[in-house]
Structure formats: C-alpha cells, structure tokens
N, C-alpha and C. Protein backbone atom coordinates (compact mmCIF):
# COMPACT_ATOMS: atom_id res chain seq x y z
N UNK A 1 -38.97 0.62 -18.76
CA UNK A 1 -39.96 -0.54 -19.33
C UNK A 1 -40.08 -0.29 -20.62
N UNK A 2 -40.22 -1.28 -21.54
CA UNK A 2 -40.02 -0.84 -22.94
C UNK A 2 -41.29 -1.36 -23.54
N UNK A 3 -41.88 -0.97 -24.80
CA UNK A 3 -43.14 -1.42 -25.13
C UNK A 3 -43.04 -2.47 -26.06
N UNK A 4 -43.57 -3.58 -25.99
CA UNK A 4 -43.43 -4.99 -26.63
C UNK A 4 -44.54 -5.52 -26.81
N UNK A 5 -44.73 -6.49 -27.98
CA UNK A 5 -45.97 -7.39 -28.29
C UNK A 5 -45.50 -8.62 -27.83
N UNK A 6 -44.36 -8.67 -27.43
CA UNK A 6 -43.95 -10.32 -26.96
C UNK A 6 -43.48 -10.21 -25.59
N UNK A 7 -43.84 -10.95 -24.58
CA UNK A 7 -43.26 -10.92 -23.15
C UNK A 7 -42.76 -12.41 -23.16
N UNK A 8 -41.89 -12.62 -22.46
CA UNK A 8 -41.32 -13.73 -21.69
C UNK A 8 -41.55 -13.53 -20.01
N UNK A 9 -41.50 -15.02 -19.42
CA UNK A 9 -41.92 -15.00 -18.13
C UNK A 9 -40.49 -15.38 -17.81
N UNK A 10 -40.22 -14.50 -16.51
CA UNK A 10 -39.14 -14.67 -15.71
C UNK A 10 -39.24 -15.34 -14.38
N UNK A 11 -38.58 -15.87 -13.67
CA UNK A 11 -38.48 -16.60 -12.38
C UNK A 11 -37.79 -15.68 -11.45
N UNK A 12 -38.60 -15.01 -10.42
CA UNK A 12 -37.77 -14.22 -9.59
C UNK A 12 -36.88 -14.91 -8.90
N UNK A 13 -37.13 -16.06 -8.20
CA UNK A 13 -36.12 -17.02 -7.70
C UNK A 13 -35.75 -18.14 -8.64
N UNK A 14 -34.44 -18.20 -9.15
CA UNK A 14 -34.13 -18.93 -10.25
C UNK A 14 -34.62 -20.44 -10.12
N UNK A 15 -34.99 -21.09 -10.99
CA UNK A 15 -35.60 -22.45 -11.07
C UNK A 15 -34.18 -23.21 -10.46
N UNK A 16 -32.94 -22.78 -11.18
CA UNK A 16 -31.54 -23.52 -10.84
C UNK A 16 -31.61 -23.69 -9.42
N UNK A 17 -32.02 -22.57 -8.61
CA UNK A 17 -31.88 -22.68 -6.99
C UNK A 17 -33.02 -22.91 -6.34
N UNK A 18 -34.07 -23.86 -7.12
CA UNK A 18 -35.31 -24.01 -6.53
C UNK A 18 -36.43 -23.28 -6.36
N UNK A 19 -36.20 -22.22 -7.26
CA UNK A 19 -37.41 -21.47 -7.50
C UNK A 19 -38.61 -21.99 -8.04
N UNK A 20 -39.86 -22.11 -7.72
CA UNK A 20 -40.92 -22.87 -8.04
C UNK A 20 -41.57 -21.98 -9.47
N UNK A 21 -42.29 -22.64 -10.09
CA UNK A 21 -43.12 -22.52 -11.21
C UNK A 21 -44.53 -22.25 -10.92
N UNK A 22 -44.56 -21.06 -9.89
CA UNK A 22 -45.75 -20.63 -8.92
C UNK A 22 -45.93 -19.17 -9.52
N UNK A 23 -47.12 -18.64 -9.72
CA UNK A 23 -47.37 -17.22 -10.11
C UNK A 23 -46.70 -16.15 -9.14
N UNK A 24 -46.52 -16.49 -7.93
CA UNK A 24 -46.00 -15.71 -6.87
C UNK A 24 -44.55 -15.62 -7.24
N UNK A 25 -43.68 -16.47 -8.11
CA UNK A 25 -42.43 -16.49 -8.39
C UNK A 25 -42.06 -15.99 -9.98
N UNK A 26 -43.26 -15.47 -10.37
CA UNK A 26 -43.10 -15.46 -12.08
C UNK A 26 -43.42 -13.93 -12.26
N UNK A 27 -42.48 -13.15 -13.16
CA UNK A 27 -43.22 -11.81 -13.87
C UNK A 27 -42.79 -12.02 -15.33
N UNK A 28 -43.41 -11.23 -15.79
CA UNK A 28 -43.26 -11.16 -17.50
C UNK A 28 -42.45 -9.88 -17.64
N UNK A 29 -41.40 -10.05 -18.47
CA UNK A 29 -40.61 -8.83 -18.98
C UNK A 29 -40.59 -9.03 -20.60
N UNK A 30 -40.15 -7.83 -21.36
CA UNK A 30 -40.09 -7.89 -22.58
C UNK A 30 -38.76 -8.43 -22.93
N UNK A 31 -38.57 -9.04 -24.13
CA UNK A 31 -37.33 -9.64 -24.46
C UNK A 31 -36.17 -8.91 -24.40
N UNK A 32 -36.12 -7.65 -24.44
CA UNK A 32 -34.78 -6.88 -24.33
C UNK A 32 -34.58 -7.07 -22.69
N UNK A 33 -35.50 -6.39 -22.02
CA UNK A 33 -35.41 -6.67 -20.32
C UNK A 33 -34.77 -7.97 -19.96
N UNK A 34 -35.63 -8.77 -20.42
CA UNK A 34 -35.29 -10.32 -20.01
C UNK A 34 -33.87 -10.83 -20.63
N UNK A 35 -33.47 -10.32 -21.65
CA UNK A 35 -32.23 -10.75 -22.24
C UNK A 35 -31.03 -10.15 -21.24
N UNK A 36 -31.45 -8.53 -21.12
CA UNK A 36 -30.50 -7.57 -20.51
C UNK A 36 -30.01 -8.27 -19.17
N UNK A 37 -31.30 -8.62 -18.38
CA UNK A 37 -30.99 -9.14 -16.86
C UNK A 37 -30.25 -10.18 -17.07
N UNK A 38 -30.57 -11.15 -17.92
CA UNK A 38 -29.76 -12.53 -17.68
C UNK A 38 -28.35 -12.43 -18.18
N UNK A 39 -28.04 -11.43 -18.86
CA UNK A 39 -26.80 -11.01 -19.70
C UNK A 39 -25.88 -10.17 -18.08
N UNK A 40 -26.50 -9.86 -17.20
CA UNK A 40 -25.95 -9.21 -16.10
C UNK A 40 -25.84 -7.77 -16.60
N UNK A 41 -26.55 -7.04 -17.69
CA UNK A 41 -26.39 -5.70 -17.98
C UNK A 41 -27.34 -4.91 -16.83
N UNK A 42 -28.60 -5.44 -16.13
CA UNK A 42 -28.94 -4.59 -14.91
C UNK A 42 -29.41 -5.71 -14.28
N UNK A 43 -29.54 -5.17 -12.95
CA UNK A 43 -30.34 -5.81 -12.05
C UNK A 43 -31.99 -6.06 -12.02
N UNK A 44 -32.73 -6.70 -11.41
CA UNK A 44 -34.13 -6.70 -11.82
C UNK A 44 -34.54 -5.82 -10.84
N UNK A 45 -34.49 -4.62 -11.12
CA UNK A 45 -34.93 -3.49 -10.04
C UNK A 45 -36.24 -2.64 -10.49
N UNK A 46 -36.87 -3.49 -11.63
CA UNK A 46 -38.12 -2.88 -12.03
C UNK A 46 -39.29 -3.06 -11.05
N UNK A 47 -40.34 -2.25 -10.77
CA UNK A 47 -41.57 -2.45 -10.02
C UNK A 47 -42.29 -3.52 -10.48
N UNK A 48 -42.70 -4.22 -9.81
CA UNK A 48 -43.73 -5.29 -9.94
C UNK A 48 -44.76 -5.52 -8.81
N UNK A 49 -45.82 -6.00 -9.12
CA UNK A 49 -46.82 -6.55 -8.13
C UNK A 49 -46.96 -8.01 -7.79
N UNK A 50 -46.61 -8.34 -6.90
CA UNK A 50 -46.29 -9.91 -6.29
C UNK A 50 -48.21 -10.22 -6.19
N UNK A 51 -48.44 -11.62 -7.08
CA UNK A 51 -49.19 -12.32 -6.81
C UNK A 51 -49.27 -13.19 -5.52
N UNK A 52 -50.72 -13.00 -4.81
CA UNK A 52 -50.82 -13.89 -3.50
C UNK A 52 -51.27 -15.27 -3.91
C-alpha cells in the first residue's frame, strides 16, 4: 500500500460485467495502485474488508 492523500473508488466486480455501485462491491485505492491494476501490472491481491 502507498501513502496517498487522494483515493479512487474501484469496483471489485467490474461495472462492465454488471458489478453494482454498492458499498460491498467497492474499495478505495491510491491512484498508483488503481492505475497499476487497470494496466495489468498487478492483480488486486491487497487485503480488504468487505462491507455487509
């Protein structure tokens, strides 16, 4: 994880594939990790807590 004052919302299940805009399907990532994930540089294997 990287320190960042700016976070972006990431859909765990892609909206393109029908993933909802609900809290249980969203996590926040720093811009660097979000960009890296969408560029295929690394899988989304960081730990996160799912909201119920």
